[in-house]
Amino acid sequence: MIEVIRSWILKILSFLLPTIFRKIYTHEKLSNLIEITVSSENDGIVVNCMDLPDARAWIEITNLSQFTLKLVGIEAVLYWVGRAADFKSLQRVELKPHSKSRIMIEASLSGRQAEHIKAKNSMDTPRLHVSAYFESSIREINKQRDISTKNVRLLNHGA
């Protein structure tokens, strides 16, 4: 009899707890517990303007919540004297509670984009618009962030 009651209580709690947590941790509150920045280590964003132009960005994601989050996708747009690069990654990363992870995203540039950046790079401060998609035990989260940064390195722009 006790086993039946315990089983019944566990079923009810397993249903109620996520519902209660969803009420407490709204999308906005949970989103505010996720920080996304361009890495401050080494070069946060690298744009190569030579024969095979490309761009790379190191993104730091900090999970300040008490839930494990799974990064299931990330999209970013680099704006530098116009729309310079579109990054997309389906890299899956698990972020434990109160932890930080660093990931790299990459994109190819066209020859025209590289020429434009080489010619006009001093006119504008680079800005990265990031949309990151997370899953957690209580809800899915889409975190968007606009990041202005000076941690940019332009390679082969003098040729």
C-alpha atoms as a PDB file:
ATOM      1  CA  MET A   1       0.000   0.000   0.000  1.00  0.00           C
ATOM      2  CA  ILE A   2       2.802   2.410   0.881  1.00  0.00           C
ATOM      3  CA  GLU A   3       4.495   1.686  -2.440  1.00  0.00           C
ATOM      4  CA  VAL A   4       1.303   2.574  -4.316  1.00  0.00           C
ATOM      5  CA  ILE A   5       0.948   5.848  -2.414  1.00  0.00           C
ATOM      6  CA  ARG A   6       4.626   6.723  -2.947  1.00  0.00           C
ATOM      7  CA  SER A   7       4.337   5.936  -6.660  1.00  0.00           C
ATOM      8  CA  TRP A   8       1.228   8.085  -6.930  1.00  0.00           C
ATOM      9  CA  ILE A   9       2.903  10.997  -5.087  1.00  0.00           C
ATOM     10  CA  LEU A  10       5.981  10.773  -7.332  1.00  0.00           C
ATOM     11  CA  LYS A  11       3.796  10.887 -10.442  1.00  0.00           C
ATOM     12  CA  ILE A  12       1.987  13.976  -9.180  1.00  0.00           C
ATOM     13  CA  LEU A  13       5.244  15.704  -8.163  1.00  0.00           C
ATOM     14  CA  SER A  14       6.886  14.910 -11.500  1.00  0.00           C
ATOM     15  CA  PHE A  15       3.954  16.653 -13.184  1.00  0.00           C
ATOM     16  CA  LEU A  16       3.648  19.580 -10.745  1.00  0.00           C
ATOM     17  CA  LEU A  17       7.314  20.538 -10.274  1.00  0.00           C
ATOM     18  CA  PRO A  18       8.057  21.391 -13.923  1.00  0.00           C
ATOM     19  CA  THR A  19       4.775  23.304 -14.062  1.00  0.00           C
ATOM     20  CA  ILE A  20       5.682  25.246 -10.925  1.00  0.00           C
ATOM     21  CA  PHE A  21       9.204  25.934 -12.243  1.00  0.00           C
ATOM     22  CA  ARG A  22       7.725  27.163 -15.556  1.00  0.00           C
ATOM     23  CA  LYS A  23       5.633  29.663 -13.600  1.00  0.00           C
ATOM     24  CA  ILE A  24       8.590  30.834 -11.506  1.00  0.00           C
ATOM     25  CA  TYR A  25      11.168  30.861 -14.317  1.00  0.00           C
ATOM     26  CA  THR A  26       9.469  32.704 -17.135  1.00  0.00           C
ATOM     27  CA  HIS A  27      11.134  32.862 -20.542  1.00  0.00           C
ATOM     28  CA  GLU A  28      12.384  36.367 -19.746  1.00  0.00           C
ATOM     29  CA  LYS A  29      13.761  35.448 -16.317  1.00  0.00           C
ATOM     30  CA  LEU A  30      15.547  32.360 -17.618  1.00  0.00           C
ATOM     31  CA  SER A  31      16.860  34.280 -20.631  1.00  0.00           C
ATOM     32  CA  ASN A  32      18.324  36.918 -18.285  1.00  0.00           C
ATOM     33  CA  LEU A  33      20.329  34.148 -16.586  1.00  0.00           C
ATOM     34  CA  ILE A  34      22.211  33.447 -19.829  1.00  0.00           C
ATOM     35  CA  GLU A  35      25.070  35.738 -20.827  1.00  0.00           C
ATOM     36  CA  ILE A  36      26.508  35.768 -24.350  1.00  0.00           C
ATOM     37  CA  THR A  37      29.663  37.717 -25.195  1.00  0.00           C
ATOM     38  CA  VAL A  38      32.461  37.781 -27.740  1.00  0.00           C
ATOM     39  CA  SER A  39      35.449  36.132 -26.102  1.00  0.00           C
ATOM     40  CA  SER A  40      37.911  38.539 -24.537  1.00  0.00           C
ATOM     41  CA  GLU A  41      40.755  36.042 -24.915  1.00  0.00           C
ATOM     42  CA  ASN A  42      43.038  36.430 -27.943  1.00  0.00           C
ATOM     43  CA  ASP A  43      41.036  37.520 -30.984  1.00  0.00           C
ATOM     44  CA  GLY A  44      37.283  37.347 -30.472  1.00  0.00           C
ATOM     45  CA  ILE A  45      36.488  37.839 -34.160  1.00  0.00           C
ATOM     46  CA  VAL A  46      38.939  37.149 -36.992  1.00  0.00           C
ATOM     47  CA  VAL A  47      38.207  38.195 -40.577  1.00  0.00           C
ATOM     48  CA  ASN A  48      40.547  36.832 -43.264  1.00  0.00           C
ATOM     49  CA  CYS A  49      40.407  38.820 -46.521  1.00  0.00           C
ATOM     50  CA  MET A  50      42.816  36.833 -48.719  1.00  0.00           C
ATOM     51  CA  ASP A  51      42.222  34.168 -51.400  1.00  0.00           C
ATOM     52  CA  LEU A  52      39.596  32.173 -49.489  1.00  0.00           C
ATOM     53  CA  PRO A  53      37.988  34.860 -47.322  1.00  0.00           C
ATOM     54  CA  ASP A  54      36.320  33.743 -44.125  1.00  0.00           C
ATOM     55  CA  ALA A  55      35.361  34.911 -40.665  1.00  0.00           C
ATOM     56  CA  ARG A  56      35.542  33.225 -37.270  1.00  0.00           C
ATOM     57  CA  ALA A  57      34.047  34.321 -33.976  1.00  0.00           C
ATOM     58  CA  TRP A  58      34.678  32.961 -30.498  1.00  0.00           C
ATOM     59  CA  ILE A  59      31.527  33.208 -28.396  1.00  0.00           C
ATOM     60  CA  GLU A  60      31.390  32.777 -24.607  1.00  0.00           C
ATOM     61  CA  ILE A  61      28.129  31.581 -23.123  1.00  0.00           C
ATOM     62  CA  THR A  62      27.615  31.692 -19.360  1.00  0.00           C
ATOM     63  CA  ASN A  63      24.783  29.775 -17.695  1.00  0.00           C
ATOM     64  CA  LEU A  64      23.907  31.526 -14.433  1.00  0.00           C
ATOM     65  CA  SER A  65      20.792  29.420 -13.815  1.00  0.00           C
ATOM     66  CA  GLN A  66      20.488  26.267 -11.726  1.00  0.00           C
ATOM     67  CA  PHE A  67      19.317  24.276 -14.760  1.00  0.00           C
ATOM     68  CA  THR A  68      21.425  22.388 -17.271  1.00  0.00           C
ATOM     69  CA  LEU A  69      21.036  24.041 -20.669  1.00  0.00           C
ATOM     70  CA  LYS A  70      21.675  22.494 -24.057  1.00  0.00           C
ATOM     71  CA  LEU A  71      22.762  24.820 -26.835  1.00  0.00           C
ATOM     72  CA  VAL A  72      21.089  23.340 -29.908  1.00  0.00           C
ATOM     73  CA  GLY A  73      21.919  26.019 -32.465  1.00  0.00           C
ATOM     74  CA  ILE A  74      23.360  29.452 -32.916  1.00  0.00           C
ATOM     75  CA  GLU A  75      23.030  32.076 -35.625  1.00  0.00           C
ATOM     76  CA  ALA A  76      24.999  35.279 -35.788  1.00  0.00           C
ATOM     77  CA  VAL A  77      25.391  38.171 -38.179  1.00  0.00           C
ATOM     78  CA  LEU A  78      28.567  40.244 -38.259  1.00  0.00           C
ATOM     79  CA  TYR A  79      27.868  43.853 -39.167  1.00  0.00           C
ATOM     80  CA  TRP A  80      31.008  45.689 -40.190  1.00  0.00           C
ATOM     81  CA  VAL A  81      30.597  48.402 -42.805  1.00  0.00           C
ATOM     82  CA  GLY A  82      27.390  46.635 -43.738  1.00  0.00           C
ATOM     83  CA  ARG A  83      26.375  43.012 -43.343  1.00  0.00           C
ATOM     84  CA  ALA A  84      29.716  41.227 -43.489  1.00  0.00           C
ATOM     85  CA  ALA A  85      29.092  37.581 -42.547  1.00  0.00           C
ATOM     86  CA  ASP A  86      26.312  35.165 -41.602  1.00  0.00           C
ATOM     87  CA  PHE A  87      27.248  32.444 -39.127  1.00  0.00           C
ATOM     88  CA  LYS A  88      25.156  29.330 -38.504  1.00  0.00           C
ATOM     89  CA  SER A  89      26.048  26.402 -36.294  1.00  0.00           C
ATOM     90  CA  LEU A  90      24.146  23.361 -35.108  1.00  0.00           C
ATOM     91  CA  GLN A  91      26.887  22.548 -32.631  1.00  0.00           C
ATOM     92  CA  ARG A  92      25.351  20.989 -29.526  1.00  0.00           C
ATOM     93  CA  VAL A  93      26.912  22.008 -26.229  1.00  0.00           C
ATOM     94  CA  GLU A  94      25.719  21.147 -22.741  1.00  0.00           C
ATOM     95  CA  LEU A  95      26.097  23.927 -20.179  1.00  0.00           C
ATOM     96  CA  LYS A  96      26.007  22.810 -16.568  1.00  0.00           C
ATOM     97  CA  PRO A  97      24.494  25.170 -13.970  1.00  0.00           C
ATOM     98  CA  HIS A  98      26.759  28.130 -13.179  1.00  0.00           C
ATOM     99  CA  SER A  99      29.280  27.290 -15.893  1.00  0.00           C
ATOM    100  CA  LYS A 100      30.834  28.905 -18.945  1.00  0.00           C
ATOM    101  CA  SER A 101      31.529  27.505 -22.393  1.00  0.00           C
ATOM    102  CA  ARG A 102      33.457  28.894 -25.339  1.00  0.00           C
ATOM    103  CA  ILE A 103      32.530  27.950 -28.906  1.00  0.00           C
ATOM    104  CA  MET A 104      33.786  28.961 -32.318  1.00  0.00           C
ATOM    105  CA  ILE A 105      31.493  29.731 -35.233  1.00  0.00           C
ATOM    106  CA  GLU A 106      32.685  30.183 -38.821  1.00  0.00           C
ATOM    107  CA  ALA A 107      31.427  31.651 -42.095  1.00  0.00           C
ATOM    108  CA  SER A 108      32.722  32.044 -45.631  1.00  0.00           C
ATOM    109  CA  LEU A 109      32.880  35.493 -47.197  1.00  0.00           C
ATOM    110  CA  SER A 110      32.508  36.366 -50.840  1.00  0.00           C
ATOM    111  CA  GLY A 111      35.327  38.154 -52.635  1.00  0.00           C
ATOM    112  CA  ARG A 112      33.210  41.298 -52.818  1.00  0.00           C
ATOM    113  CA  GLN A 113      32.554  41.228 -49.075  1.00  0.00           C
ATOM    114  CA  ALA A 114      36.283  40.871 -48.374  1.00  0.00           C
ATOM    115  CA  GLU A 115      37.158  43.754 -50.711  1.00  0.00           C
ATOM    116  CA  HIS A 116      34.505  45.944 -49.093  1.00  0.00           C
ATOM    117  CA  ILE A 117      35.792  45.182 -45.584  1.00  0.00           C
ATOM    118  CA  LYS A 118      39.423  45.799 -46.642  1.00  0.00           C
ATOM    119  CA  ALA A 119      38.520  49.187 -48.113  1.00  0.00           C
ATOM    120  CA  LYS A 120      36.188  50.485 -45.409  1.00  0.00           C
ATOM    121  CA  ASN A 121      37.088  48.672 -42.171  1.00  0.00           C
ATOM    122  CA  SER A 122      38.084  51.835 -40.278  1.00  0.00           C
ATOM    123  CA  MET A 123      34.673  53.454 -40.787  1.00  0.00           C
ATOM    124  CA  ASP A 124      32.719  51.305 -38.356  1.00  0.00           C
ATOM    125  CA  THR A 125      32.965  49.377 -35.083  1.00  0.00           C
ATOM    126  CA  PRO A 126      32.128  45.704 -35.649  1.00  0.00           C
ATOM    127  CA  ARG A 127      28.881  44.459 -34.155  1.00  0.00           C
ATOM    128  CA  LEU A 128      27.753  40.856 -33.795  1.00  0.00           C
ATOM    129  CA  HIS A 129      24.040  40.047 -33.521  1.00  0.00           C
ATOM    130  CA  VAL A 130      23.676  36.605 -31.915  1.00  0.00           C
ATOM    131  CA  SER A 131      20.608  34.365 -31.651  1.00  0.00           C
ATOM    132  CA  ALA A 132      21.228  31.274 -29.540  1.00  0.00           C
ATOM    133  CA  TYR A 133      18.726  28.465 -29.076  1.00  0.00           C
ATOM    134  CA  PHE A 134      18.689  26.454 -25.856  1.00  0.00           C
ATOM    135  CA  GLU A 135      16.687  23.594 -24.394  1.00  0.00           C
ATOM    136  CA  SER A 136      16.223  23.038 -20.681  1.00  0.00           C
ATOM    137  CA  SER A 137      14.154  20.731 -18.537  1.00  0.00           C
ATOM    138  CA  ILE A 138      11.441  23.385 -18.154  1.00  0.00           C
ATOM    139  CA  ARG A 139      11.384  25.317 -21.442  1.00  0.00           C
ATOM    140  CA  GLU A 140      13.082  26.236 -24.701  1.00  0.00           C
ATOM    141  CA  ILE A 141      14.894  29.572 -24.755  1.00  0.00           C
ATOM    142  CA  ASN A 142      15.880  31.850 -27.612  1.00  0.00           C
ATOM    143  CA  LYS A 143      18.454  34.383 -26.422  1.00  0.00           C
ATOM    144  CA  GLN A 144      19.257  37.325 -28.685  1.00  0.00           C
ATOM    145  CA  ARG A 145      22.064  39.771 -28.106  1.00  0.00           C
ATOM    146  CA  ASP A 146      23.748  42.625 -29.994  1.00  0.00           C
ATOM    147  CA  ILE A 147      27.450  42.847 -29.116  1.00  0.00           C
ATOM    148  CA  SER A 148      29.715  45.715 -30.142  1.00  0.00           C
ATOM    149  CA  THR A 149      33.353  44.753 -29.866  1.00  0.00           C
ATOM    150  CA  LYS A 150      36.826  46.028 -30.591  1.00  0.00           C
ATOM    151  CA  ASN A 151      38.287  42.539 -30.153  1.00  0.00           C
ATOM    152  CA  VAL A 152      38.544  42.056 -33.924  1.00  0.00           C
ATOM    153  CA  ARG A 153      41.504  41.105 -36.034  1.00  0.00           C
ATOM    154  CA  LEU A 154      41.578  41.743 -39.775  1.00  0.00           C
ATOM    155  CA  LEU A 155      44.029  39.462 -41.612  1.00  0.00           C
ATOM    156  CA  ASN A 156      45.636  40.111 -45.012  1.00  0.00           C
ATOM    157  CA  HIS A 157      43.981  43.448 -45.543  1.00  0.00           C
ATOM    158  CA  GLY A 158      47.059  45.242 -46.844  1.00  0.00           C
ATOM    159  CA  ALA A 159      47.631  43.088 -49.935  1.00  0.00           C
END
